[in-house]
Amino acid sequence: MKIIVVISASAEWEGVKPLFSMAETQHYPYGESFQRAIGESSAIFFHTGWGKPASAGALQYVLNRYTPDVVINLGTCGGLAGVVNLGEIILVERTFIYDIVELMGDLNILDYYASSLDLSWLAEPYSYPVRRGLIASADSDLLTEKIPFLRSHGALAADWESAPLAWVAQKNKARLLILRAVSDLVSEEGGEVYGDIESFNTRAKEIMKMLMDQLPGWLNAVKL
């Protein structure tokens, strides 16, 4: 089984690298990569970089070059306060992009860049507690004024990359598993780590260690 693990943000990548020996790190057009054993499987890890352009471009590159059986994205997300809990893991089943503004016509952008992930190839019951649901993405940290809009559309959390990754995977009919843990909560009054990057970096490191510890269990659930 060909397994690809993509990690987006720099803080997330820096949380993963210390878990492995980096003696054999390679470089590809979007950043670093390395191959390591995960349980009884072998996976190639790619740092895609943050935001929609980097994540979409990197995933298309990886799909074209490696034709993986499964792509797994592990990372963090900002949770909507009162909707999810700190540390909760979201198994992403739907996504949309919410920061595109179109003023000349009536194009339904939410639908155009929305994706539904087929997870029928993932055996249940899951080995770890997760909450299936929707994550919205934008090239921005979650703005407080966007909270009501995202709540009204069923979002549990927001990030920078899940939606473009899901959109590219859907276009390529590729299996994609996105697991995002809530690193911080945002309400209409503000974000708990906004202006405190060190707190986010610390939480991101803890989250990536947790998700990496769980990765062998998720790989065992893959049905080819």
N, C-alpha and C. Protein backbone atom coordinates (compact mmCIF):
# COMPACT_ATOMS: atom_id res chain seq x y z
N MET A 1 0.84 -1.19 0.00
CA MET A 1 0.00 0.00 0.00
C MET A 1 0.88 1.25 0.00
N LYS A 2 0.64 2.13 -0.96
CA LYS A 2 1.38 3.39 -1.04
C LYS A 2 0.69 4.43 -0.17
N ILE A 3 1.39 4.91 0.83
CA ILE A 3 0.83 5.86 1.79
C ILE A 3 1.58 7.18 1.71
N ILE A 4 0.82 8.26 1.60
CA ILE A 4 1.39 9.60 1.63
C ILE A 4 0.79 10.35 2.81
N VAL A 5 1.64 10.98 3.60
CA VAL A 5 1.18 11.83 4.70
C VAL A 5 1.59 13.26 4.38
N VAL A 6 0.62 14.16 4.33
CA VAL A 6 0.93 15.56 4.05
C VAL A 6 0.68 16.38 5.31
N ILE A 7 1.65 17.23 5.62
CA ILE A 7 1.61 18.13 6.77
C ILE A 7 1.71 19.55 6.24
N SER A 8 0.83 20.42 6.68
CA SER A 8 0.74 21.74 6.05
C SER A 8 1.57 22.81 6.74
N ALA A 9 1.13 23.27 7.90
CA ALA A 9 1.76 24.42 8.54
C ALA A 9 3.16 24.11 9.04
N SER A 10 3.99 25.13 9.11
CA SER A 10 5.36 24.95 9.58
C SER A 10 5.41 24.46 11.02
N ALA A 11 4.52 24.99 11.88
CA ALA A 11 4.50 24.55 13.28
C ALA A 11 4.15 23.08 13.38
N GLU A 12 3.27 22.61 12.52
CA GLU A 12 2.91 21.19 12.50
C GLU A 12 4.07 20.33 12.02
N TRP A 13 4.73 20.79 10.98
CA TRP A 13 5.88 20.05 10.45
C TRP A 13 7.01 19.98 11.48
N GLU A 14 7.24 21.08 12.16
CA GLU A 14 8.28 21.10 13.19
C GLU A 14 7.91 20.22 14.37
N GLY A 15 6.63 19.94 14.54
CA GLY A 15 6.21 19.02 15.58
C GLY A 15 6.40 17.57 15.19
N VAL A 16 6.44 17.30 13.89
CA VAL A 16 6.60 15.93 13.40
C VAL A 16 8.07 15.54 13.28
N LYS A 17 8.89 16.43 12.79
CA LYS A 17 10.28 16.07 12.49
C LYS A 17 11.05 15.50 13.68
N PRO A 18 10.91 16.05 14.90
CA PRO A 18 11.67 15.48 16.02
C PRO A 18 11.29 14.04 16.36
N LEU A 19 10.18 13.57 15.84
CA LEU A 19 9.74 12.21 16.12
C LEU A 19 10.48 11.19 15.27
N PHE A 20 11.26 11.67 14.30
CA PHE A 20 11.99 10.80 13.39
C PHE A 20 13.43 11.30 13.23
N SER A 21 14.29 10.42 12.78
CA SER A 21 15.63 10.84 12.38
C SER A 21 15.54 11.57 11.05
N MET A 22 16.16 12.73 10.96
CA MET A 22 16.07 13.54 9.75
C MET A 22 17.30 13.38 8.84
N ALA A 23 18.07 12.34 9.03
CA ALA A 23 19.30 12.17 8.26
C ALA A 23 19.05 12.04 6.76
N GLU A 24 17.86 11.55 6.40
CA GLU A 24 17.59 11.28 5.00
C GLU A 24 16.49 12.18 4.43
N THR A 25 16.36 13.36 4.96
CA THR A 25 15.36 14.29 4.45
C THR A 25 15.67 14.69 3.01
N GLN A 26 14.66 14.65 2.16
CA GLN A 26 14.79 15.04 0.77
C GLN A 26 14.06 16.37 0.54
N HIS A 27 14.25 16.92 -0.63
CA HIS A 27 13.54 18.15 -1.00
C HIS A 27 12.79 17.94 -2.30
N TYR A 28 11.60 18.50 -2.37
CA TYR A 28 10.80 18.50 -3.60
C TYR A 28 10.34 19.95 -3.81
N PRO A 29 9.65 20.26 -4.91
CA PRO A 29 9.40 21.67 -5.22
C PRO A 29 8.70 22.48 -4.13
N TYR A 30 7.96 21.83 -3.22
CA TYR A 30 7.21 22.57 -2.22
C TYR A 30 7.83 22.54 -0.83
N GLY A 31 8.90 21.79 -0.65
CA GLY A 31 9.50 21.75 0.68
C GLY A 31 10.24 20.45 0.94
N GLU A 32 10.18 19.99 2.18
CA GLU A 32 10.90 18.80 2.60
C GLU A 32 10.02 17.55 2.51
N SER A 33 10.69 16.39 2.44
CA SER A 33 9.98 15.12 2.49
C SER A 33 10.92 14.07 3.08
N PHE A 34 10.34 13.02 3.60
CA PHE A 34 11.13 11.89 4.07
C PHE A 34 10.25 10.64 4.11
N GLN A 35 10.86 9.49 4.07
CA GLN A 35 10.14 8.21 4.09
C GLN A 35 10.49 7.46 5.36
N ARG A 36 9.46 6.95 6.05
CA ARG A 36 9.68 6.23 7.29
C ARG A 36 8.65 5.11 7.45
N ALA A 37 9.01 4.13 8.27
CA ALA A 37 8.09 3.05 8.60
C ALA A 37 7.09 3.52 9.63
N ILE A 38 5.82 3.17 9.43
CA ILE A 38 4.74 3.45 10.37
C ILE A 38 4.08 2.12 10.67
N GLY A 39 4.37 1.59 11.84
CA GLY A 39 3.87 0.26 12.15
C GLY A 39 4.45 -0.74 11.16
N GLU A 40 3.57 -1.46 10.48
CA GLU A 40 4.00 -2.43 9.48
C GLU A 40 3.99 -1.85 8.08
N SER A 41 3.73 -0.56 7.96
CA SER A 41 3.66 0.09 6.66
C SER A 41 4.79 1.09 6.50
N SER A 42 4.95 1.57 5.29
CA SER A 42 5.93 2.62 5.00
C SER A 42 5.19 3.80 4.39
N ALA A 43 5.55 5.00 4.81
CA ALA A 43 4.87 6.20 4.33
C ALA A 43 5.89 7.25 3.95
N ILE A 44 5.52 8.07 2.97
CA ILE A 44 6.33 9.24 2.61
C ILE A 44 5.62 10.47 3.16
N PHE A 45 6.36 11.27 3.92
CA PHE A 45 5.84 12.48 4.53
C PHE A 45 6.26 13.68 3.69
N PHE A 46 5.31 14.57 3.45
CA PHE A 46 5.58 15.79 2.68
C PHE A 46 5.11 17.01 3.46
N HIS A 47 5.97 18.01 3.52
CA HIS A 47 5.56 19.31 4.05
C HIS A 47 5.06 20.13 2.87
N THR A 48 3.76 20.41 2.84
CA THR A 48 3.19 21.12 1.69
C THR A 48 3.32 22.63 1.81
N GLY A 49 3.43 23.14 3.05
CA GLY A 49 3.37 24.58 3.24
C GLY A 49 1.94 25.00 3.54
N TRP A 50 1.79 26.21 4.12
CA TRP A 50 0.48 26.67 4.56
C TRP A 50 -0.27 27.39 3.45
N GLY A 51 -1.60 27.35 3.54
CA GLY A 51 -2.45 28.09 2.63
C GLY A 51 -2.92 27.27 1.43
N LYS A 52 -3.89 27.84 0.72
CA LYS A 52 -4.52 27.14 -0.40
C LYS A 52 -3.57 26.88 -1.57
N PRO A 53 -2.79 27.88 -2.03
CA PRO A 53 -1.94 27.61 -3.19
C PRO A 53 -0.93 26.49 -2.95
N ALA A 54 -0.23 26.55 -1.82
CA ALA A 54 0.80 25.55 -1.55
C ALA A 54 0.21 24.17 -1.35
N SER A 55 -0.87 24.06 -0.58
CA SER A 55 -1.44 22.75 -0.30
C SER A 55 -2.03 22.11 -1.55
N ALA A 56 -2.74 22.88 -2.36
CA ALA A 56 -3.32 22.33 -3.59
C ALA A 56 -2.24 21.92 -4.58
N GLY A 57 -1.26 22.79 -4.78
CA GLY A 57 -0.19 22.47 -5.72
C GLY A 57 0.63 21.27 -5.29
N ALA A 58 0.95 21.21 -4.00
CA ALA A 58 1.75 20.11 -3.50
C ALA A 58 1.01 18.79 -3.62
N LEU A 59 -0.28 18.79 -3.29
CA LEU A 59 -1.03 17.54 -3.38
C LEU A 59 -1.12 17.06 -4.83
N GLN A 60 -1.36 17.97 -5.77
CA GLN A 60 -1.42 17.54 -7.17
C GLN A 60 -0.08 16.97 -7.62
N TYR A 61 1.00 17.58 -7.19
CA TYR A 61 2.34 17.07 -7.50
C TYR A 61 2.52 15.66 -6.97
N VAL A 62 2.14 15.46 -5.72
CA VAL A 62 2.30 14.15 -5.08
C VAL A 62 1.44 13.09 -5.77
N LEU A 63 0.19 13.45 -6.09
CA LEU A 63 -0.69 12.49 -6.75
C LEU A 63 -0.16 12.10 -8.12
N ASN A 64 0.33 13.07 -8.87
CA ASN A 64 0.85 12.79 -10.21
C ASN A 64 2.10 11.92 -10.16
N ARG A 65 2.96 12.18 -9.21
CA ARG A 65 4.26 11.51 -9.19
C ARG A 65 4.21 10.15 -8.50
N TYR A 66 3.39 10.00 -7.46
CA TYR A 66 3.46 8.79 -6.64
C TYR A 66 2.22 7.91 -6.73
N THR A 67 1.13 8.39 -7.28
CA THR A 67 -0.13 7.64 -7.37
C THR A 67 -0.39 6.82 -6.10
N PRO A 68 -0.52 7.48 -4.96
CA PRO A 68 -0.69 6.76 -3.70
C PRO A 68 -2.06 6.09 -3.59
N ASP A 69 -2.12 5.05 -2.76
CA ASP A 69 -3.41 4.43 -2.45
C ASP A 69 -4.21 5.28 -1.48
N VAL A 70 -3.51 5.93 -0.57
CA VAL A 70 -4.16 6.75 0.46
C VAL A 70 -3.29 7.96 0.75
N VAL A 71 -3.94 9.12 0.87
CA VAL A 71 -3.28 10.33 1.35
C VAL A 71 -3.90 10.70 2.69
N ILE A 72 -3.05 11.01 3.66
CA ILE A 72 -3.52 11.39 4.98
C ILE A 72 -2.98 12.76 5.33
N ASN A 73 -3.87 13.66 5.70
CA ASN A 73 -3.47 14.99 6.17
C ASN A 73 -3.72 15.08 7.66
N LEU A 74 -2.67 15.35 8.41
CA LEU A 74 -2.76 15.52 9.85
C LEU A 74 -2.45 16.97 10.20
N GLY A 75 -3.21 17.54 11.14
CA GLY A 75 -2.92 18.93 11.48
C GLY A 75 -3.82 19.49 12.55
N THR A 76 -3.80 20.80 12.65
CA THR A 76 -4.56 21.54 13.65
C THR A 76 -5.70 22.31 12.98
N CYS A 77 -6.58 22.83 13.80
CA CYS A 77 -7.63 23.71 13.30
C CYS A 77 -8.11 24.60 14.44
N GLY A 78 -8.71 25.70 14.08
CA GLY A 78 -9.33 26.59 15.07
C GLY A 78 -10.79 26.23 15.22
N GLY A 79 -11.20 25.86 16.42
CA GLY A 79 -12.58 25.43 16.64
C GLY A 79 -13.51 26.59 16.95
N LEU A 80 -14.76 26.45 16.55
CA LEU A 80 -15.77 27.43 16.90
C LEU A 80 -16.20 27.20 18.34
N ALA A 81 -15.95 28.20 19.17
CA ALA A 81 -16.27 28.08 20.60
C ALA A 81 -17.75 27.77 20.78
N GLY A 82 -18.03 26.81 21.65
CA GLY A 82 -19.40 26.40 21.89
C GLY A 82 -19.89 25.33 20.94
N VAL A 83 -19.09 25.01 19.93
CA VAL A 83 -19.45 23.98 18.95
C VAL A 83 -18.58 22.75 19.12
N VAL A 84 -17.28 22.95 19.34
CA VAL A 84 -16.35 21.86 19.56
C VAL A 84 -15.53 22.15 20.81
N ASN A 85 -14.80 21.14 21.25
CA ASN A 85 -13.97 21.28 22.44
C ASN A 85 -12.50 21.32 22.09
N LEU A 86 -11.72 21.97 22.92
CA LEU A 86 -10.28 22.01 22.75
C LEU A 86 -9.73 20.59 22.75
N GLY A 87 -8.88 20.27 21.76
CA GLY A 87 -8.27 18.95 21.67
C GLY A 87 -9.10 17.92 20.94
N GLU A 88 -10.36 18.23 20.63
CA GLU A 88 -11.21 17.29 19.92
C GLU A 88 -10.67 17.04 18.51
N ILE A 89 -10.69 15.80 18.07
CA ILE A 89 -10.20 15.46 16.73
C ILE A 89 -11.38 15.41 15.77
N ILE A 90 -11.27 16.14 14.68
CA ILE A 90 -12.31 16.17 13.66
C ILE A 90 -11.89 15.29 12.50
N LEU A 91 -12.73 14.32 12.20
CA LEU A 91 -12.57 13.50 11.00
C LEU A 91 -13.38 14.21 9.92
N VAL A 92 -12.68 14.82 8.99
CA VAL A 92 -13.33 15.74 8.05
C VAL A 92 -14.07 14.94 6.98
N GLU A 93 -15.38 15.22 6.85
CA GLU A 93 -16.16 14.58 5.81
C GLU A 93 -16.70 15.57 4.78
N ARG A 94 -16.68 16.86 5.13
CA ARG A 94 -17.09 17.90 4.18
C ARG A 94 -16.23 19.14 4.38
N THR A 95 -16.04 19.90 3.29
CA THR A 95 -15.26 21.13 3.35
C THR A 95 -15.86 22.17 2.41
N PHE A 96 -15.55 23.43 2.68
CA PHE A 96 -15.78 24.48 1.70
C PHE A 96 -14.81 25.62 1.96
N ILE A 97 -14.61 26.47 0.95
CA ILE A 97 -13.75 27.64 1.05
C ILE A 97 -14.63 28.86 1.27
N TYR A 98 -14.28 29.71 2.24
CA TYR A 98 -15.19 30.80 2.60
C TYR A 98 -14.60 32.20 2.42
N ASP A 99 -13.41 32.33 1.83
CA ASP A 99 -12.82 33.66 1.73
C ASP A 99 -12.74 34.18 0.30
N ILE A 100 -13.46 33.56 -0.64
CA ILE A 100 -13.51 34.06 -2.01
C ILE A 100 -14.71 34.98 -2.14
N VAL A 101 -14.48 36.17 -2.67
CA VAL A 101 -15.55 37.16 -2.80
C VAL A 101 -15.77 37.46 -4.28
N GLU A 102 -16.98 37.24 -4.76
CA GLU A 102 -17.33 37.47 -6.16
C GLU A 102 -18.44 38.52 -6.20
N LEU A 103 -18.19 39.64 -6.90
CA LEU A 103 -19.11 40.78 -6.87
C LEU A 103 -19.79 41.06 -8.21
N MET A 104 -19.39 40.38 -9.27
CA MET A 104 -19.91 40.72 -10.59
C MET A 104 -21.09 39.87 -11.03
N GLY A 105 -21.26 38.71 -10.44
CA GLY A 105 -22.34 37.83 -10.85
C GLY A 105 -22.97 37.14 -9.65
N ASP A 106 -23.50 35.96 -9.90
CA ASP A 106 -24.18 35.23 -8.82
C ASP A 106 -23.61 33.82 -8.67
N LEU A 107 -22.32 33.67 -8.93
CA LEU A 107 -21.66 32.38 -8.79
C LEU A 107 -21.73 31.91 -7.35
N ASN A 108 -22.18 30.68 -7.14
CA ASN A 108 -22.25 30.12 -5.80
C ASN A 108 -20.90 29.50 -5.47
N ILE A 109 -20.03 30.30 -4.88
CA ILE A 109 -18.66 29.88 -4.64
C ILE A 109 -18.59 28.78 -3.58
N LEU A 110 -19.45 28.84 -2.59
CA LEU A 110 -19.43 27.81 -1.55
C LEU A 110 -19.66 26.44 -2.16
N ASP A 111 -20.58 26.34 -3.10
CA ASP A 111 -20.84 25.06 -3.74
C ASP A 111 -19.71 24.66 -4.69
N TYR A 112 -19.18 25.64 -5.42
CA TYR A 112 -18.17 25.32 -6.43
C TYR A 112 -16.93 24.70 -5.80
N TYR A 113 -16.49 25.23 -4.68
CA TYR A 113 -15.28 24.72 -4.02
C TYR A 113 -15.60 23.85 -2.80
N ALA A 114 -16.82 23.36 -2.73
CA ALA A 114 -17.18 22.44 -1.65
C ALA A 114 -16.83 21.02 -2.05
N SER A 115 -16.49 20.20 -1.08
CA SER A 115 -16.14 18.80 -1.33
C SER A 115 -16.73 17.92 -0.25
N SER A 116 -17.12 16.72 -0.65
CA SER A 116 -17.52 15.68 0.28
C SER A 116 -16.55 14.53 0.14
N LEU A 117 -15.98 14.09 1.25
CA LEU A 117 -14.98 13.04 1.23
C LEU A 117 -15.64 11.68 1.42
N ASP A 118 -15.38 10.78 0.49
CA ASP A 118 -15.86 9.41 0.59
C ASP A 118 -14.96 8.66 1.57
N LEU A 119 -15.50 8.29 2.71
CA LEU A 119 -14.73 7.58 3.73
C LEU A 119 -15.18 6.13 3.87
N SER A 120 -15.85 5.60 2.84
CA SER A 120 -16.36 4.24 2.90
C SER A 120 -15.23 3.20 2.95
N TRP A 121 -14.04 3.61 2.57
CA TRP A 121 -12.89 2.70 2.57
C TRP A 121 -12.22 2.62 3.95
N LEU A 122 -12.77 3.34 4.92
CA LEU A 122 -12.21 3.37 6.27
C LEU A 122 -13.09 2.51 7.18
N ALA A 123 -12.52 1.43 7.70
CA ALA A 123 -13.30 0.47 8.49
C ALA A 123 -13.78 1.09 9.80
N GLU A 124 -15.00 0.80 10.15
CA GLU A 124 -15.56 1.19 11.44
C GLU A 124 -15.76 -0.06 12.30
N PRO A 125 -15.80 0.08 13.63
CA PRO A 125 -15.67 1.32 14.40
C PRO A 125 -14.24 1.83 14.40
N TYR A 126 -14.08 3.14 14.53
CA TYR A 126 -12.76 3.73 14.52
C TYR A 126 -12.02 3.42 15.81
N SER A 127 -10.71 3.37 15.71
CA SER A 127 -9.88 3.02 16.87
C SER A 127 -9.78 4.15 17.88
N TYR A 128 -10.11 5.38 17.46
CA TYR A 128 -9.94 6.54 18.33
C TYR A 128 -11.19 7.40 18.26
N PRO A 129 -11.50 8.13 19.34
CA PRO A 129 -12.67 9.00 19.31
C PRO A 129 -12.46 10.19 18.38
N VAL A 130 -13.38 10.38 17.48
CA VAL A 130 -13.34 11.50 16.55
C VAL A 130 -14.75 12.05 16.38
N ARG A 131 -14.83 13.22 15.85
CA ARG A 131 -16.11 13.82 15.50
C ARG A 131 -16.14 14.09 14.01
N ARG A 132 -17.00 13.42 13.29
CA ARG A 132 -17.11 13.65 11.85
C ARG A 132 -17.84 14.96 11.61
N GLY A 133 -17.35 15.71 10.63
CA GLY A 133 -18.03 16.97 10.36
C GLY A 133 -17.32 17.81 9.32
N LEU A 134 -17.73 19.07 9.28
CA LEU A 134 -17.31 20.01 8.23
C LEU A 134 -16.27 20.98 8.76
N ILE A 135 -15.23 21.18 7.96
CA ILE A 135 -14.24 22.23 8.23
C ILE A 135 -14.24 23.20 7.04
N ALA A 136 -14.23 24.49 7.35
CA ALA A 136 -14.15 25.53 6.34
C ALA A 136 -12.73 26.07 6.28
N SER A 137 -12.28 26.45 5.09
CA SER A 137 -10.90 26.91 4.92
C SER A 137 -10.85 28.29 4.29
N ALA A 138 -9.80 29.03 4.65
CA ALA A 138 -9.53 30.35 4.08
C ALA A 138 -8.05 30.63 4.24
N ASP A 139 -7.52 31.51 3.43
CA ASP A 139 -6.15 31.96 3.62
C ASP A 139 -6.14 33.06 4.68
N SER A 140 -6.54 32.69 5.87
CA SER A 140 -6.66 33.63 6.99
C SER A 140 -6.93 32.84 8.25
N ASP A 141 -6.41 33.31 9.38
CA ASP A 141 -6.90 32.80 10.64
C ASP A 141 -8.38 33.16 10.75
N LEU A 142 -9.07 32.43 11.57
CA LEU A 142 -10.52 32.59 11.69
C LEU A 142 -10.86 33.96 12.27
N LEU A 143 -11.55 34.76 11.47
CA LEU A 143 -11.96 36.09 11.90
C LEU A 143 -13.23 36.00 12.72
N THR A 144 -13.28 36.79 13.80
CA THR A 144 -14.42 36.71 14.70
C THR A 144 -15.74 37.04 14.00
N GLU A 145 -15.72 37.96 13.04
CA GLU A 145 -16.95 38.34 12.36
C GLU A 145 -17.48 37.24 11.43
N LYS A 146 -16.65 36.23 11.16
CA LYS A 146 -17.08 35.12 10.31
C LYS A 146 -17.78 34.01 11.10
N ILE A 147 -17.73 34.08 12.43
CA ILE A 147 -18.27 33.01 13.26
C ILE A 147 -19.76 32.74 12.97
N PRO A 148 -20.62 33.76 12.96
CA PRO A 148 -22.04 33.47 12.69
C PRO A 148 -22.26 32.81 11.33
N PHE A 149 -21.55 33.27 10.31
CA PHE A 149 -21.69 32.70 8.97
C PHE A 149 -21.29 31.23 8.97
N LEU A 150 -20.16 30.92 9.59
CA LEU A 150 -19.68 29.54 9.60
C LEU A 150 -20.60 28.64 10.43
N ARG A 151 -21.09 29.14 11.53
CA ARG A 151 -22.05 28.37 12.33
C ARG A 151 -23.29 28.04 11.49
N SER A 152 -23.78 29.03 10.76
CA SER A 152 -25.01 28.84 9.99
C SER A 152 -24.85 27.82 8.87
N HIS A 153 -23.59 27.58 8.46
CA HIS A 153 -23.33 26.60 7.40
C HIS A 153 -22.80 25.28 7.94
N GLY A 154 -22.89 25.10 9.25
CA GLY A 154 -22.57 23.81 9.83
C GLY A 154 -21.12 23.52 10.10
N ALA A 155 -20.25 24.53 10.04
CA ALA A 155 -18.83 24.29 10.27
C ALA A 155 -18.56 24.04 11.75
N LEU A 156 -17.68 23.10 12.00
CA LEU A 156 -17.19 22.86 13.36
C LEU A 156 -15.95 23.67 13.66
N ALA A 157 -15.15 23.91 12.61
CA ALA A 157 -13.86 24.55 12.79
C ALA A 157 -13.41 25.14 11.47
N ALA A 158 -12.28 25.83 11.50
CA ALA A 158 -11.73 26.42 10.29
C ALA A 158 -10.22 26.23 10.28
N ASP A 159 -9.66 26.16 9.08
CA ASP A 159 -8.21 26.08 8.91
C ASP A 159 -7.84 26.72 7.58
N TRP A 160 -6.60 26.49 7.16
CA TRP A 160 -6.11 27.10 5.93
C TRP A 160 -6.05 26.12 4.75
N GLU A 161 -6.14 24.81 5.01
CA GLU A 161 -5.79 23.86 3.95
C GLU A 161 -6.77 22.73 3.66
N SER A 162 -7.65 22.37 4.57
CA SER A 162 -8.47 21.17 4.36
C SER A 162 -9.29 21.25 3.08
N ALA A 163 -9.93 22.38 2.82
CA ALA A 163 -10.80 22.49 1.65
C ALA A 163 -10.04 22.36 0.33
N PRO A 164 -8.91 23.05 0.13
CA PRO A 164 -8.19 22.84 -1.13
C PRO A 164 -7.65 21.42 -1.27
N LEU A 165 -7.21 20.81 -0.19
CA LEU A 165 -6.75 19.42 -0.27
C LEU A 165 -7.90 18.51 -0.68
N ALA A 166 -9.06 18.70 -0.07
CA ALA A 166 -10.22 17.87 -0.40
C ALA A 166 -10.66 18.08 -1.83
N TRP A 167 -10.62 19.31 -2.30
CA TRP A 167 -11.05 19.63 -3.67
C TRP A 167 -10.15 18.95 -4.69
N VAL A 168 -8.84 19.04 -4.48
CA VAL A 168 -7.90 18.40 -5.40
C VAL A 168 -8.05 16.88 -5.36
N ALA A 169 -8.19 16.32 -4.17
CA ALA A 169 -8.37 14.87 -4.05
C ALA A 169 -9.63 14.42 -4.76
N GLN A 170 -10.71 15.18 -4.61
CA GLN A 170 -11.97 14.83 -5.26
C GLN A 170 -11.83 14.86 -6.77
N LYS A 171 -11.15 15.88 -7.30
CA LYS A 171 -10.94 15.98 -8.75
C LYS A 171 -10.14 14.79 -9.28
N ASN A 172 -9.24 14.26 -8.45
CA ASN A 172 -8.39 13.15 -8.87
C ASN A 172 -8.93 11.78 -8.44
N LYS A 173 -10.11 11.78 -7.80
CA LYS A 173 -10.71 10.54 -7.29
C LYS A 173 -9.72 9.79 -6.39
N ALA A 174 -9.04 10.55 -5.55
CA ALA A 174 -8.04 9.99 -4.64
C ALA A 174 -8.62 9.84 -3.24
N ARG A 175 -8.21 8.78 -2.54
CA ARG A 175 -8.63 8.59 -1.15
C ARG A 175 -7.87 9.58 -0.26
N LEU A 176 -8.61 10.37 0.48
CA LEU A 176 -7.99 11.36 1.37
C LEU A 176 -8.64 11.26 2.74
N LEU A 177 -7.80 11.13 3.75
CA LEU A 177 -8.25 11.15 5.14
C LEU A 177 -7.67 12.40 5.79
N ILE A 178 -8.54 13.28 6.30
CA ILE A 178 -8.11 14.49 6.99
C ILE A 178 -8.48 14.36 8.45
N LEU A 179 -7.49 14.45 9.32
CA LEU A 179 -7.69 14.45 10.76
C LEU A 179 -7.10 15.73 11.32
N ARG A 180 -7.96 16.57 11.87
CA ARG A 180 -7.54 17.86 12.40
C ARG A 180 -7.97 17.97 13.86
N ALA A 181 -7.03 18.24 14.75
CA ALA A 181 -7.35 18.41 16.16
C ALA A 181 -7.48 19.90 16.48
N VAL A 182 -8.43 20.24 17.33
CA VAL A 182 -8.71 21.63 17.68
C VAL A 182 -7.60 22.14 18.60
N SER A 183 -6.79 23.06 18.08
CA SER A 183 -5.67 23.61 18.85
C SER A 183 -6.08 24.83 19.67
N ASP A 184 -7.14 25.51 19.25
CA ASP A 184 -7.58 26.73 19.94
C ASP A 184 -9.02 27.00 19.58
N LEU A 185 -9.67 27.77 20.41
CA LEU A 185 -11.08 28.11 20.20
C LEU A 185 -11.21 29.59 19.87
N VAL A 186 -12.15 29.89 18.97
CA VAL A 186 -12.40 31.27 18.56
C VAL A 186 -13.88 31.55 18.74
N SER A 187 -14.18 32.67 19.37
CA SER A 187 -15.56 33.12 19.55
C SER A 187 -15.72 34.48 18.90
N GLU A 188 -16.90 35.04 18.97
CA GLU A 188 -17.12 36.38 18.42
C GLU A 188 -16.39 37.44 19.22
N GLU A 189 -15.89 37.07 20.38
CA GLU A 189 -15.11 38.02 21.20
C GLU A 189 -13.62 37.94 20.91
N GLY A 190 -13.15 36.89 20.26
CA GLY A 190 -11.72 36.79 19.94
C GLY A 190 -11.23 35.35 19.98
N GLY A 191 -9.94 35.20 19.65
CA GLY A 191 -9.31 33.89 19.64
C GLY A 191 -8.36 33.77 20.83
N GLU A 192 -8.37 32.62 21.49
CA GLU A 192 -7.61 32.47 22.72
C GLU A 192 -6.10 32.49 22.52
N VAL A 193 -5.58 32.19 21.33
CA VAL A 193 -4.14 32.24 21.13
C VAL A 193 -3.73 33.35 20.16
N TYR A 194 -4.69 34.17 19.73
CA TYR A 194 -4.33 35.26 18.83
C TYR A 194 -3.38 36.22 19.56
N GLY A 195 -2.25 36.49 18.90
CA GLY A 195 -1.22 37.32 19.51
C GLY A 195 -0.29 36.55 20.42
N ASP A 196 -0.45 35.22 20.46
CA ASP A 196 0.38 34.39 21.34
C ASP A 196 0.85 33.16 20.55
N ILE A 197 1.76 33.40 19.61
CA ILE A 197 2.20 32.34 18.70
C ILE A 197 2.90 31.21 19.45
N GLU A 198 3.55 31.52 20.55
CA GLU A 198 4.25 30.47 21.29
C GLU A 198 3.27 29.45 21.86
N SER A 199 2.12 29.92 22.33
CA SER A 199 1.11 28.99 22.84
C SER A 199 0.61 28.09 21.72
N PHE A 200 0.38 28.67 20.55
CA PHE A 200 -0.05 27.84 19.42
C PHE A 200 1.01 26.82 19.05
N ASN A 201 2.27 27.25 18.97
CA ASN A 201 3.35 26.33 18.60
C ASN A 201 3.44 25.17 19.58
N THR A 202 3.29 25.46 20.86
CA THR A 202 3.33 24.41 21.88
C THR A 202 2.19 23.43 21.69
N ARG A 203 1.00 23.97 21.49
CA ARG A 203 -0.17 23.10 21.30
C ARG A 203 -0.04 22.29 20.01
N ALA A 204 0.46 22.92 18.95
CA ALA A 204 0.62 22.21 17.68
C ALA A 204 1.57 21.03 17.83
N LYS A 205 2.64 21.23 18.56
CA LYS A 205 3.60 20.14 18.79
C LYS A 205 2.95 18.98 19.53
N GLU A 206 2.15 19.27 20.56
CA GLU A 206 1.47 18.24 21.32
C GLU A 206 0.46 17.50 20.45
N ILE A 207 -0.26 18.25 19.62
CA ILE A 207 -1.27 17.64 18.75
C ILE A 207 -0.62 16.72 17.72
N MET A 208 0.47 17.16 17.12
CA MET A 208 1.10 16.33 16.10
C MET A 208 1.66 15.05 16.70
N LYS A 209 2.16 15.12 17.93
CA LYS A 209 2.62 13.90 18.60
C LYS A 209 1.45 12.94 18.81
N MET A 210 0.32 13.45 19.24
CA MET A 210 -0.86 12.63 19.45
C MET A 210 -1.33 11.98 18.15
N LEU A 211 -1.43 12.78 17.09
CA LEU A 211 -1.90 12.26 15.81
C LEU A 211 -0.93 11.24 15.23
N MET A 212 0.35 11.47 15.40
CA MET A 212 1.33 10.51 14.91
C MET A 212 1.26 9.21 15.70
N ASP A 213 1.00 9.29 16.98
CA ASP A 213 0.84 8.07 17.79
C ASP A 213 -0.36 7.25 17.31
N GLN A 214 -1.37 7.93 16.82
CA GLN A 214 -2.59 7.26 16.37
C GLN A 214 -2.50 6.78 14.92
N LEU A 215 -1.54 7.27 14.17
CA LEU A 215 -1.48 6.98 12.75
C LEU A 215 -1.48 5.49 12.42
N PRO A 216 -0.70 4.64 13.10
CA PRO A 216 -0.74 3.20 12.77
C PRO A 216 -2.14 2.61 12.89
N GLY A 217 -2.91 3.03 13.88
CA GLY A 217 -4.27 2.54 14.02
C GLY A 217 -5.16 2.92 12.85
N TRP A 218 -4.99 4.15 12.35
CA TRP A 218 -5.79 4.57 11.19
C TRP A 218 -5.36 3.81 9.94
N LEU A 219 -4.07 3.54 9.80
CA LEU A 219 -3.62 2.78 8.63
C LEU A 219 -4.19 1.36 8.66
N ASN A 220 -4.32 0.79 9.84
CA ASN A 220 -4.89 -0.55 9.95
C ASN A 220 -6.36 -0.58 9.56
N ALA A 221 -7.02 0.59 9.58
CA ALA A 221 -8.44 0.65 9.25
C ALA A 221 -8.70 0.81 7.75
N VAL A 222 -7.62 0.99 6.97
CA VAL A 222 -7.78 1.22 5.54
C VAL A 222 -8.19 -0.06 4.84
N LYS A 223 -9.28 -0.01 4.07
CA LYS A 223 -9.74 -1.13 3.26
C LYS A 223 -9.44 -0.83 1.81
N LEU A 224 -8.58 -1.61 1.16
CA LEU A 224 -8.27 -1.38 -0.24
C LEU A 224 -9.21 -2.19 -1.15
